[in-house]
PDB file of N, CA and C in Angstrom:
ATOM      1  N   LEU A   1      33.980-189.524 -87.781  1.00  0.00           N
ATOM      2  CA  LEU A   1      34.486-188.695 -86.702  1.00  0.00           C
ATOM      3  C   LEU A   1      33.560-187.514 -86.435  1.00  0.00           C
ATOM      4  N   LYS A   2      32.970-186.992 -87.511  1.00  0.00           N
ATOM      5  CA  LYS A   2      32.067-185.850 -87.339  1.00  0.00           C
ATOM      6  C   LYS A   2      30.878-186.221 -86.463  1.00  0.00           C
ATOM      7  N   HIS A   3      30.408-187.444 -86.614  1.00  0.00           N
ATOM      8  CA  HIS A   3      29.278-187.910 -85.803  1.00  0.00           C
ATOM      9  C   HIS A   3      29.649-187.913 -84.319  1.00  0.00           C
ATOM     10  N   PHE A   4      30.844-188.405 -83.996  1.00  0.00           N
ATOM     11  CA  PHE A   4      31.286-188.427 -82.601  1.00  0.00           C
ATOM     12  C   PHE A   4      31.459-187.010 -82.064  1.00  0.00           C
ATOM     13  N   ALA A   5      32.073-186.154 -82.858  1.00  0.00           N
ATOM     14  CA  ALA A   5      32.291-184.770 -82.428  1.00  0.00           C
ATOM     15  C   ALA A   5      30.962-184.061 -82.208  1.00  0.00           C
ATOM     16  N   ALA A   6      29.979-184.340 -83.060  1.00  0.00           N
ATOM     17  CA  ALA A   6      28.662-183.722 -82.914  1.00  0.00           C
ATOM     18  C   ALA A   6      27.987-184.149 -81.615  1.00  0.00           C
ATOM     19  N   ASP A   7      28.330-185.325 -81.124  1.00  0.00           N
ATOM     20  CA  ASP A   7      27.787-185.810 -79.849  1.00  0.00           C
ATOM     21  C   ASP A   7      28.583-185.315 -78.653  1.00  0.00           C
ATOM     22  N   GLY A   8      29.570-184.440 -78.898  1.00  0.00           N
ATOM     23  CA  GLY A   8      30.357-183.878 -77.810  1.00  0.00           C
ATOM     24  C   GLY A   8      31.529-184.740 -77.370  1.00  0.00           C
ATOM     25  N   ILE A   9      31.804-185.768 -78.120  1.00  0.00           N
ATOM     26  CA  ILE A   9      32.916-186.655 -77.771  1.00  0.00           C
ATOM     27  C   ILE A   9      34.219-186.024 -78.233  1.00  0.00           C
ATOM     28  N   ARG A  10      35.226-186.075 -77.386  1.00  0.00           N
ATOM     29  CA  ARG A  10      36.570-185.602 -77.730  1.00  0.00           C
ATOM     30  C   ARG A  10      37.475-186.818 -77.795  1.00  0.00           C
ATOM     31  N   ALA A  11      38.389-186.820 -78.727  1.00  0.00           N
ATOM     32  CA  ALA A  11      39.236-188.002 -78.901  1.00  0.00           C
ATOM     33  C   ALA A  11      40.656-187.616 -79.270  1.00  0.00           C
ATOM     34  N   HIS A  12      41.541-188.545 -79.017  1.00  0.00           N
ATOM     35  CA  HIS A  12      42.941-188.446 -79.421  1.00  0.00           C
ATOM     36  C   HIS A  12      43.220-189.683 -80.259  1.00  0.00           C
ATOM     37  N   LEU A  13      43.534-189.491 -81.519  1.00  0.00           N
ATOM     38  CA  LEU A  13      43.792-190.604 -82.424  1.00  0.00           C
ATOM     39  C   LEU A  13      45.269-190.962 -82.385  1.00  0.00           C
ATOM     40  N   ILE A  14      45.559-192.244 -82.346  1.00  0.00           N
ATOM     41  CA  ILE A  14      46.944-192.714 -82.338  1.00  0.00           C
ATOM     42  C   ILE A  14      47.129-193.696 -83.486  1.00  0.00           C
ATOM     43  N   GLN A  15      48.070-193.389 -84.353  1.00  0.00           N
ATOM     44  CA  GLN A  15      48.437-194.302 -85.429  1.00  0.00           C
ATOM     45  C   GLN A  15      49.640-195.112 -84.943  1.00  0.00           C
ATOM     46  N   VAL A  16      49.447-196.406 -84.796  1.00  0.00           N
ATOM     47  CA  VAL A  16      50.512-197.285 -84.309  1.00  0.00           C
ATOM     48  C   VAL A  16      51.133-197.988 -85.509  1.00  0.00           C
ATOM     49  N   LEU A  17      52.447-197.812 -85.653  1.00  0.00           N
ATOM     50  CA  LEU A  17      53.155-198.384 -86.795  1.00  0.00           C
ATOM     51  C   LEU A  17      54.359-199.199 -86.350  1.00  0.00           C
ATOM     52  N   ASP A  18      54.535-200.326 -86.969  1.00  0.00           N
ATOM     53  CA  ASP A  18      55.770-201.083 -86.833  1.00  0.00           C
ATOM     54  C   ASP A  18      56.845-200.317 -87.610  1.00  0.00           C
ATOM     55  N   PRO A  19      58.085-200.309 -87.156  1.00  0.00           N
ATOM     56  CA  PRO A  19      59.135-199.594 -87.889  1.00  0.00           C
ATOM     57  C   PRO A  19      59.214-200.005 -89.364  1.00  0.00           C
ATOM     58  N   ALA A  20      58.973-201.271 -89.655  1.00  0.00           N
ATOM     59  CA  ALA A  20      59.015-201.728 -91.046  1.00  0.00           C
ATOM     60  C   ALA A  20      57.894-201.112 -91.872  1.00  0.00           C
ATOM     61  N   GLU A  21      56.755-200.820 -91.236  1.00  0.00           N
ATOM     62  CA  GLU A  21      55.662-200.152 -91.942  1.00  0.00           C
ATOM     63  C   GLU A  21      56.035-198.726 -92.311  1.00  0.00           C
ATOM     64  N   GLU A  22      56.743-198.072 -91.438  1.00  0.00           N
ATOM     65  CA  GLU A  22      57.079-196.671 -91.669  1.00  0.00           C
ATOM     66  C   GLU A  22      58.318-196.512 -92.544  1.00  0.00           C
ATOM     67  N   ASP A  23      59.305-197.372 -92.368  1.00  0.00           N
ATOM     68  CA  ASP A  23      60.584-197.212 -93.065  1.00  0.00           C
ATOM     69  C   ASP A  23      60.703-198.036 -94.340  1.00  0.00           C
ATOM     70  N   LEU A  24      59.917-199.077 -94.464  1.00  0.00           N
ATOM     71  CA  LEU A  24      60.001-200.017 -95.583  1.00  0.00           C
ATOM     72  C   LEU A  24      61.463-200.369 -95.883  1.00  0.00           C
ATOM     73  N   PRO A  25      62.129-201.049 -94.950  1.00  0.00           N
ATOM     74  CA  PRO A  25      63.564-201.302 -95.070  1.00  0.00           C
ATOM     75  C   PRO A  25      63.936-202.470 -95.990  1.00  0.00           C
ATOM     76  N   PHE A  26      62.985-202.996 -96.724  1.00  0.00           N
ATOM     77  CA  PHE A  26      63.206-204.201 -97.510  1.00  0.00           C
ATOM     78  C   PHE A  26      63.938-203.903 -98.812  1.00  0.00           C
ATOM     79  N   SER A  27      64.630-204.911 -99.302  1.00  0.00           N
ATOM     80  CA  SER A  27      65.281-204.786-100.603  1.00  0.00           C
ATOM     81  C   SER A  27      65.213-206.138-101.303  1.00  0.00           C
ATOM     82  N   GLY A  28      65.359-206.095-102.596  1.00  0.00           N
ATOM     83  CA  GLY A  28      65.305-207.325-103.371  1.00  0.00           C
ATOM     84  C   GLY A  28      63.880-207.788-103.609  1.00  0.00           C
ATOM     85  N   ARG A  29      63.765-208.996-104.090  1.00  0.00           N
ATOM     86  CA  ARG A  29      62.458-209.580-104.408  1.00  0.00           C
ATOM     87  C   ARG A  29      61.774-209.992-103.105  1.00  0.00           C
ATOM     88  N   ILE A  30      60.558-209.501-102.924  1.00  0.00           N
ATOM     89  CA  ILE A  30      59.821-209.803-101.694  1.00  0.00           C
ATOM     90  C   ILE A  30      58.326-209.788-101.999  1.00  0.00           C
ATOM     91  N   GLU A  31      57.598-210.646-101.321  1.00  0.00           N
ATOM     92  CA  GLU A  31      56.148-210.673-101.476  1.00  0.00           C
ATOM     93  C   GLU A  31      55.511-210.067-100.231  1.00  0.00           C
ATOM     94  N   PHE A  32      54.706-209.052-100.454  1.00  0.00           N
ATOM     95  CA  PHE A  32      53.955-208.423 -99.372  1.00  0.00           C
ATOM     96  C   PHE A  32      52.538-208.990 -99.415  1.00  0.00           C
ATOM     97  N   GLU A  33      51.975-209.245 -98.245  1.00  0.00           N
ATOM     98  CA  GLU A  33      50.584-209.681 -98.209  1.00  0.00           C
ATOM     99  C   GLU A  33      49.855-208.954 -97.103  1.00  0.00           C
ATOM    100  N   GLY A  34      48.559-208.760 -97.309  1.00  0.00           N
ATOM    101  CA  GLY A  34      47.731-208.062 -96.345  1.00  0.00           C
ATOM    102  C   GLY A  34      47.637-208.822 -95.036  1.00  0.00           C
ATOM    103  N   VAL A  35      47.221-208.126 -94.008  1.00  0.00           N
ATOM    104  CA  VAL A  35      47.105-208.721 -92.676  1.00  0.00           C
ATOM    105  C   VAL A  35      46.216-209.957 -92.709  1.00  0.00           C
ATOM    106  N   GLU A  36      45.137-209.869 -93.433  1.00  0.00           N
ATOM    107  CA  GLU A  36      44.213-210.994 -93.534  1.00  0.00           C
ATOM    108  C   GLU A  36      44.383-211.716 -94.867  1.00  0.00           C
ATOM    109  N   GLU A  37      45.546-211.558 -95.473  1.00  0.00           N
ATOM    110  CA  GLU A  37      45.910-212.201 -96.733  1.00  0.00           C
ATOM    111  C   GLU A  37      44.963-211.849 -97.873  1.00  0.00           C
ATOM    112  N   GLU A  38      44.309-210.689 -97.788  1.00  0.00           N
ATOM    113  CA  GLU A  38      43.377-210.293 -98.830  1.00  0.00           C
ATOM    114  C   GLU A  38      44.093-209.741-100.062  1.00  0.00           C
ATOM    115  N   LEU A  39      45.276-209.201 -99.886  1.00  0.00           N
ATOM    116  CA  LEU A  39      46.041-208.642-100.995  1.00  0.00           C
ATOM    117  C   LEU A  39      47.458-209.189-100.970  1.00  0.00           C
ATOM    118  N   ARG A  40      48.002-209.368-102.159  1.00  0.00           N
ATOM    119  CA  ARG A  40      49.399-209.787-102.276  1.00  0.00           C
ATOM    120  C   ARG A  40      50.070-208.923-103.333  1.00  0.00           C
ATOM    121  N   LEU A  41      51.320-208.579-103.069  1.00  0.00           N
ATOM    122  CA  LEU A  41      52.098-207.796-104.025  1.00  0.00           C
ATOM    123  C   LEU A  41      53.496-208.382-104.082  1.00  0.00           C
ATOM    124  N   MET A  42      53.897-208.785-105.271  1.00  0.00           N
ATOM    125  CA  MET A  42      55.259-209.276-105.465  1.00  0.00           C
ATOM    126  C   MET A  42      56.085-208.111-105.997  1.00  0.00           C
ATOM    127  N   ALA A  43      57.068-207.711-105.218  1.00  0.00           N
ATOM    128  CA  ALA A  43      57.945-206.606-105.616  1.00  0.00           C
ATOM    129  C   ALA A  43      59.274-207.188-106.069  1.00  0.00           C
ATOM    130  N   GLY A  44      59.629-206.909-107.298  1.00  0.00           N
ATOM    131  CA  GLY A  44      60.898-207.394-107.818  1.00  0.00           C
ATOM    132  C   GLY A  44      62.080-206.747-107.121  1.00  0.00           C
ATOM    133  N   ARG A  45      61.953-205.466-106.864  1.00  0.00           N
ATOM    134  CA  ARG A  45      62.985-204.715-106.145  1.00  0.00           C
ATOM    135  C   ARG A  45      62.269-203.809-105.146  1.00  0.00           C
ATOM    136  N   ALA A  46      62.091-204.310-103.970  1.00  0.00           N
ATOM    137  CA  ALA A  46      61.319-203.587-102.950  1.00  0.00           C
ATOM    138  C   ALA A  46      61.885-202.205-102.680  1.00  0.00           C
ATOM    139  N   GLN A  47      63.192-202.047-102.763  1.00  0.00           N
ATOM    140  CA  GLN A  47      63.807-200.749-102.490  1.00  0.00           C
ATOM    141  C   GLN A  47      63.326-199.677-103.473  1.00  0.00           C
ATOM    142  N   ASN A  48      62.873-200.093-104.665  1.00  0.00           N
ATOM    143  CA  ASN A  48      62.372-199.126-105.644  1.00  0.00           C
ATOM    144  C   ASN A  48      61.002-198.575-105.260  1.00  0.00           C
ATOM    145  N   LEU A  49      60.326-199.228-104.353  1.00  0.00           N
ATOM    146  CA  LEU A  49      59.005-198.776-103.898  1.00  0.00           C
ATOM    147  C   LEU A  49      59.095-197.774-102.751  1.00  0.00           C
ATOM    148  N   ARG A  50      60.235-197.717-102.100  1.00  0.00           N
ATOM    149  CA  ARG A  50      60.379-197.002-100.830  1.00  0.00           C
ATOM    150  C   ARG A  50      59.923-195.540-100.895  1.00  0.00           C
ATOM    151  N   ASP A  51      60.418-194.773-101.856  1.00  0.00           N
ATOM    152  CA  ASP A  51      60.082-193.344-101.905  1.00  0.00           C
ATOM    153  C   ASP A  51      58.593-193.114-102.141  1.00  0.00           C
ATOM    154  N   ALA A  52      58.019-193.842-103.100  1.00  0.00           N
ATOM    155  CA  ALA A  52      56.585-193.688-103.379  1.00  0.00           C
ATOM    156  C   ALA A  52      55.755-194.135-102.184  1.00  0.00           C
ATOM    157  N   TYR A  53      56.170-195.215-101.544  1.00  0.00           N
ATOM    158  CA  TYR A  53      55.462-195.714-100.365  1.00  0.00           C
ATOM    159  C   TYR A  53      55.476-194.678 -99.255  1.00  0.00           C
ATOM    160  N   ARG A  54      56.624-194.086 -98.992  1.00  0.00           N
ATOM    161  CA  ARG A  54      56.722-193.079 -97.931  1.00  0.00           C
ATOM    162  C   ARG A  54      55.872-191.853 -98.245  1.00  0.00           C
ATOM    163  N   ARG A  55      55.853-191.446 -99.506  1.00  0.00           N
ATOM    164  CA  ARG A  55      55.002-190.302 -99.887  1.00  0.00           C
ATOM    165  C   ARG A  55      53.534-190.616 -99.624  1.00  0.00           C
ATOM    166  N   ARG A  56      53.105-191.817 -99.979  1.00  0.00           N
ATOM    167  CA  ARG A  56      51.703-192.194 -99.754  1.00  0.00           C
ATOM    168  C   ARG A  56      51.382-192.304 -98.271  1.00  0.00           C
ATOM    169  N   LEU A  57      52.321-192.832 -97.493  1.00  0.00           N
ATOM    170  CA  LEU A  57      52.119-192.912 -96.047  1.00  0.00           C
ATOM    171  C   LEU A  57      52.028-191.511 -95.450  1.00  0.00           C
ATOM    172  N   ASP A  58      52.896-190.609 -95.886  1.00  0.00           N
ATOM    173  CA  ASP A  58      52.851-189.223 -95.408  1.00  0.00           C
ATOM    174  C   ASP A  58      51.539-188.548 -95.797  1.00  0.00           C
ATOM    175  N   LEU A  59      51.071-188.798 -97.023  1.00  0.00           N
ATOM    176  CA  LEU A  59      49.797-188.232 -97.468  1.00  0.00           C
ATOM    177  C   LEU A  59      48.648-188.793 -96.635  1.00  0.00           C
ATOM    178  N   HIS A  60      48.674-190.083 -96.396  1.00  0.00           N
ATOM    179  CA  HIS A  60      47.647-190.724 -95.568  1.00  0.00           C
ATOM    180  C   HIS A  60      47.622-190.102 -94.173  1.00  0.00           C
ATOM    181  N   ARG A  61      48.796-189.943 -93.590  1.00  0.00           N
ATOM    182  CA  ARG A  61      48.906-189.356 -92.250  1.00  0.00           C
ATOM    183  C   ARG A  61      48.405-187.912 -92.253  1.00  0.00           C
ATOM    184  N   SER A  62      48.766-187.139 -93.249  1.00  0.00           N
ATOM    185  CA  SER A  62      48.328-185.736 -93.287  1.00  0.00           C
ATOM    186  C   SER A  62      46.816-185.638 -93.437  1.00  0.00           C
ATOM    187  N   ARG A  63      46.217-186.578 -94.148  1.00  0.00           N
ATOM    188  CA  ARG A  63      44.746-186.581 -94.269  1.00  0.00           C
ATOM    189  C   ARG A  63      44.087-186.930 -92.935  1.00  0.00           C
ATOM    190  N   ILE A  64      44.694-187.839 -92.197  1.00  0.00           N
ATOM    191  CA  ILE A  64      44.167-188.158 -90.866  1.00  0.00           C
ATOM    192  C   ILE A  64      44.264-186.932 -89.967  1.00  0.00           C
ATOM    193  N   VAL A  65      45.412-186.263 -89.988  1.00  0.00           N
ATOM    194  CA  VAL A  65      45.607-185.053 -89.178  1.00  0.00           C
ATOM    195  C   VAL A  65      44.579-183.996 -89.559  1.00  0.00           C
ATOM    196  N   GLU A  66      44.395-183.784 -90.848  1.00  0.00           N
ATOM    197  CA  GLU A  66      43.439-182.778 -91.318  1.00  0.00           C
ATOM    198  C   GLU A  66      42.019-183.105 -90.863  1.00  0.00           C
ATOM    199  N   THR A  67      41.641-184.356 -90.999  1.00  0.00           N
ATOM    200  CA  THR A  67      40.307-184.777 -90.569  1.00  0.00           C
ATOM    201  C   THR A  67      40.145-184.613 -89.061  1.00  0.00           C
ATOM    202  N   ALA A  68      41.157-184.992 -88.308  1.00  0.00           N
ATOM    203  CA  ALA A  68      41.109-184.849 -86.851  1.00  0.00           C
ATOM    204  C   ALA A  68      40.976-183.383 -86.462  1.00  0.00           C
ATOM    205  N   GLN A  69      41.725-182.514 -87.109  1.00  0.00           N
ATOM    206  CA  GLN A  69      41.675-181.086 -86.789  1.00  0.00           C
ATOM    207  C   GLN A  69      40.306-180.492 -87.097  1.00  0.00           C
ATOM    208  N   GLN A  70      39.659-180.977 -88.143  1.00  0.00           N
ATOM    209  CA  GLN A  70      38.336-180.463 -88.506  1.00  0.00           C
ATOM    210  C   GLN A  70      37.309-180.691 -87.407  1.00  0.00           C
ATOM    211  N   VAL A  71      37.486-181.735 -86.627  1.00  0.00           N
ATOM    212  CA  VAL A  71      36.532-182.046 -85.554  1.00  0.00           C
ATOM    213  C   VAL A  71      37.136-181.817 -84.174  1.00  0.00           C
ATOM    214  N   ASN A  72      38.268-181.114 -84.141  1.00  0.00           N
ATOM    215  CA  ASN A  72      38.935-180.744 -82.894  1.00  0.00           C
ATOM    216  C   ASN A  72      39.432-181.956 -82.097  1.00  0.00           C
ATOM    217  N   PHE A  73      39.852-182.997 -82.808  1.00  0.00           N
ATOM    218  CA  PHE A  73      40.494-184.147 -82.187  1.00  0.00           C
ATOM    219  C   PHE A  73      42.001-183.958 -82.318  1.00  0.00           C
ATOM    220  N   THR A  74      42.760-184.605 -81.470  1.00  0.00           N
ATOM    221  CA  THR A  74      44.211-184.559 -81.573  1.00  0.00           C
ATOM    222  C   THR A  74      44.708-185.868 -82.190  1.00  0.00           C
ATOM    223  N   PHE A  75      45.954-185.852 -82.646  1.00  0.00           N
ATOM    224  CA  PHE A  75      46.513-187.000 -83.359  1.00  0.00           C
ATOM    225  C   PHE A  75      47.986-187.152 -83.032  1.00  0.00           C
ATOM    226  N   ALA A  76      48.431-188.391 -82.936  1.00  0.00           N
ATOM    227  CA  ALA A  76      49.855-188.681 -82.747  1.00  0.00           C
ATOM    228  C   ALA A  76      50.167-190.028 -83.384  1.00  0.00           C
ATOM    229  N   THR A  77      51.434-190.230 -83.659  1.00  0.00           N
ATOM    230  CA  THR A  77      51.872-191.537 -84.135  1.00  0.00           C
ATOM    231  C   THR A  77      52.719-192.194 -83.050  1.00  0.00           C
ATOM    232  N   HIS A  78      52.736-193.498 -83.086  1.00  0.00           N
ATOM    233  CA  HIS A  78      53.571-194.252 -82.148  1.00  0.00           C
ATOM    234  C   HIS A  78      54.163-195.434 -82.894  1.00  0.00           C
ATOM    235  N   ARG A  79      55.446-195.641 -82.711  1.00  0.00           N
ATOM    236  CA  ARG A  79      56.128-196.782 -83.319  1.00  0.00           C
ATOM    237  C   ARG A  79      56.302-197.880 -82.281  1.00  0.00           C
ATOM    238  N   THR A  80      56.169-199.099 -82.733  1.00  0.00           N
ATOM    239  CA  THR A  80      56.236-200.227 -81.808  1.00  0.00           C
ATOM    240  C   THR A  80      57.645-200.506 -81.292  1.00  0.00           C
ATOM    241  N   ASP A  81      58.647-199.814 -81.830  1.00  0.00           N
ATOM    242  CA  ASP A  81      59.994-199.978 -81.274  1.00  0.00           C
ATOM    243  C   ASP A  81      60.259-198.990 -80.146  1.00  0.00           C
ATOM    244  N   ARG A  82      59.246-198.237 -79.774  1.00  0.00           N
ATOM    245  CA  ARG A  82      59.350-197.312 -78.642  1.00  0.00           C
ATOM    246  C   ARG A  82      58.486-197.843 -77.496  1.00  0.00           C
ATOM    247  N   VAL A  83      58.836-197.431 -76.292  1.00  0.00           N
ATOM    248  CA  VAL A  83      58.064-197.911 -75.143  1.00  0.00           C
ATOM    249  C   VAL A  83      56.635-197.366 -75.214  1.00  0.00           C
ATOM    250  N   PRO A  84      55.654-198.151 -74.811  1.00  0.00           N
ATOM    251  CA  PRO A  84      54.266-197.704 -74.895  1.00  0.00           C
ATOM    252  C   PRO A  84      53.950-196.520 -73.983  1.00  0.00           C
ATOM    253  N   GLN A  85      54.771-196.302 -72.972  1.00  0.00           N
ATOM    254  CA  GLN A  85      54.508-195.198 -72.045  1.00  0.00           C
ATOM    255  C   GLN A  85      54.498-193.848 -72.764  1.00  0.00           C
ATOM    256  N   THR A  86      55.296-193.695 -73.811  1.00  0.00           N
ATOM    257  CA  THR A  86      55.303-192.412 -74.524  1.00  0.00           C
ATOM    258  C   THR A  86      53.953-192.150 -75.182  1.00  0.00           C
ATOM    259  N   ALA A  87      53.359-193.179 -75.763  1.00  0.00           N
ATOM    260  CA  ALA A  87      52.040-193.020 -76.376  1.00  0.00           C
ATOM    261  C   ALA A  87      50.980-192.769 -75.313  1.00  0.00           C
ATOM    262  N   LEU A  88      51.087-193.477 -74.200  1.00  0.00           N
ATOM    263  CA  LEU A  88      50.112-193.294 -73.126  1.00  0.00           C
ATOM    264  C   LEU A  88      50.213-191.906 -72.500  1.00  0.00           C
ATOM    265  N   LEU A  89      51.421-191.396 -72.354  1.00  0.00           N
ATOM    266  CA  LEU A  89      51.605-190.051 -71.817  1.00  0.00           C
ATOM    267  C   LEU A  89      51.026-189.007 -72.767  1.00  0.00           C
ATOM    268  N   ALA A  90      51.258-189.184 -74.064  1.00  0.00           N
ATOM    269  CA  ALA A  90      50.681-188.262 -75.050  1.00  0.00           C
ATOM    270  C   ALA A  90      49.155-188.322 -75.010  1.00  0.00           C
ATOM    271  N   LEU A  91      48.619-189.521 -74.877  1.00  0.00           N
ATOM    272  CA  LEU A  91      47.173-189.694 -74.777  1.00  0.00           C
ATOM    273  C   LEU A  91      46.636-188.997 -73.534  1.00  0.00           C
ATOM    274  N   TYR A  92      47.270-189.222 -72.403  1.00  0.00           N
ATOM    275  CA  TYR A  92      46.848-188.592 -71.151  1.00  0.00           C
ATOM    276  C   TYR A  92      46.910-187.068 -71.261  1.00  0.00           C
ATOM    277  N   SER A  93      47.999-186.554 -71.798  1.00  0.00           N
ATOM    278  CA  SER A  93      48.154-185.101 -71.930  1.00  0.00           C
ATOM    279  C   SER A  93      47.085-184.512 -72.836  1.00  0.00           C
ATOM    280  N   ALA A  94      46.844-185.165 -73.962  1.00  0.00           N
ATOM    281  CA  ALA A  94      45.848-184.655 -74.908  1.00  0.00           C
ATOM    282  C   ALA A  94      44.455-184.673 -74.300  1.00  0.00           C
ATOM    283  N   LEU A  95      44.107-185.775 -73.676  1.00  0.00           N
ATOM    284  CA  LEU A  95      42.762-185.879 -73.113  1.00  0.00           C
ATOM    285  C   LEU A  95      42.588-185.016 -71.874  1.00  0.00           C
ATOM    286  N   SER A  96      43.606-184.891 -71.035  1.00  0.00           N
ATOM    287  CA  SER A  96      43.462-184.038 -69.853  1.00  0.00           C
ATOM    288  C   SER A  96      43.389-182.576 -70.267  1.00  0.00           C
ATOM    289  N   GLY A  97      44.093-182.197 -71.321  1.00  0.00           N
ATOM    290  CA  GLY A  97      43.989-180.830 -71.838  1.00  0.00           C
ATOM    291  C   GLY A  97      42.607-180.552 -72.392  1.00  0.00           C
ATOM    292  N   ALA A  98      42.026-181.537 -73.061  1.00  0.00           N
ATOM    293  CA  ALA A  98      40.676-181.382 -73.597  1.00  0.00           C
ATOM    294  C   ALA A  98      39.656-181.301 -72.471  1.00  0.00           C
ATOM    295  N   MET A  99      39.863-182.097 -71.433  1.00  0.00           N
ATOM    296  CA  MET A  99      38.943-182.067 -70.295  1.00  0.00           C
ATOM    297  C   MET A  99      39.027-180.727 -69.575  1.00  0.00           C
ATOM    298  N   ALA A 100      40.238-180.216 -69.392  1.00  0.00           N
ATOM    299  CA  ALA A 100      40.411-178.931 -68.708  1.00  0.00           C
ATOM    300  C   ALA A 100      39.759-177.810 -69.500  1.00  0.00           C
ATOM    301  N   ALA A 101      39.827-177.894 -70.811  1.00  0.00           N
ATOM    302  CA  ALA A 101      39.230-176.855 -71.654  1.00  0.00           C
ATOM    303  C   ALA A 101      37.710-176.873 -71.563  1.00  0.00           C
ATOM    304  N   ARG A 102      37.131-178.018 -71.242  1.00  0.00           N
ATOM    305  CA  ARG A 102      35.676-178.143 -71.180  1.00  0.00           C
ATOM    306  C   ARG A 102      35.109-177.784 -69.816  1.00  0.00           C
ATOM    307  N   GLN A 103      35.953-177.735 -68.775  1.00  0.00           N
ATOM    308  CA  GLN A 103      35.469-177.470 -67.425  1.00  0.00           C
ATOM    309  C   GLN A 103      35.524-175.977 -67.124  1.00  0.00           C
ATOM    310  N   PRO A 104      34.520-175.472 -66.432  1.00  0.00           N
ATOM    311  CA  PRO A 104      34.567-174.060 -66.036  1.00  0.00           C
ATOM    312  C   PRO A 104      35.657-173.845 -64.993  1.00  0.00           C
ATOM    313  N   PRO A 105      36.245-172.662 -64.946  1.00  0.00           N
ATOM    314  CA  PRO A 105      37.295-172.402 -63.955  1.00  0.00           C
ATOM    315  C   PRO A 105      36.745-172.517 -62.540  1.00  0.00           C
ATOM    316  N   ARG A 106      37.597-172.952 -61.621  1.00  0.00           N
ATOM    317  CA  ARG A 106      37.207-173.083 -60.219  1.00  0.00           C
ATOM    318  C   ARG A 106      37.244-171.715 -59.549  1.00  0.00           C
ATOM    319  N   ALA A 107      36.363-171.531 -58.598  1.00  0.00           N
ATOM    320  CA  ALA A 107      36.321-170.267 -57.852  1.00  0.00           C
ATOM    321  C   ALA A 107      37.588-170.119 -57.030  1.00  0.00           C
ATOM    322  N   GLY A 108      38.151-168.932 -57.021  1.00  0.00           N
ATOM    323  CA  GLY A 108      39.326-168.648 -56.214  1.00  0.00           C
ATOM    324  C   GLY A 108      40.628-169.079 -56.854  1.00  0.00           C
ATOM    325  N   ILE A 109      40.580-169.524 -58.090  1.00  0.00           N
ATOM    326  CA  ILE A 109      41.829-169.938 -58.755  1.00  0.00           C
ATOM    327  C   ILE A 109      42.176-168.943 -59.839  1.00  0.00           C
TER     328      ILE A 109
END
């Protein structure tokens, strides 16, 4: 990100999560596997993982926010159970605010 910021690029980062990724609503014995099947985890009681999982997700998110702030990028999360327009509106607002901040004021305004 620092490389992009050094080139004058401004960005708005969006973390898109399925509700199951954020809430981990599973219980009982369940096998989790990576998107590309690179990792597998058999959880005897998935509900016992929930608190630790949420803490790690929150830590991951806070590190993304911190990194974004260091290079003056904005950040938001979006859940797939919400309409995409909310994420697009946040993106538009963030980027239009960044563009306005970079433009000199107009004469007579």
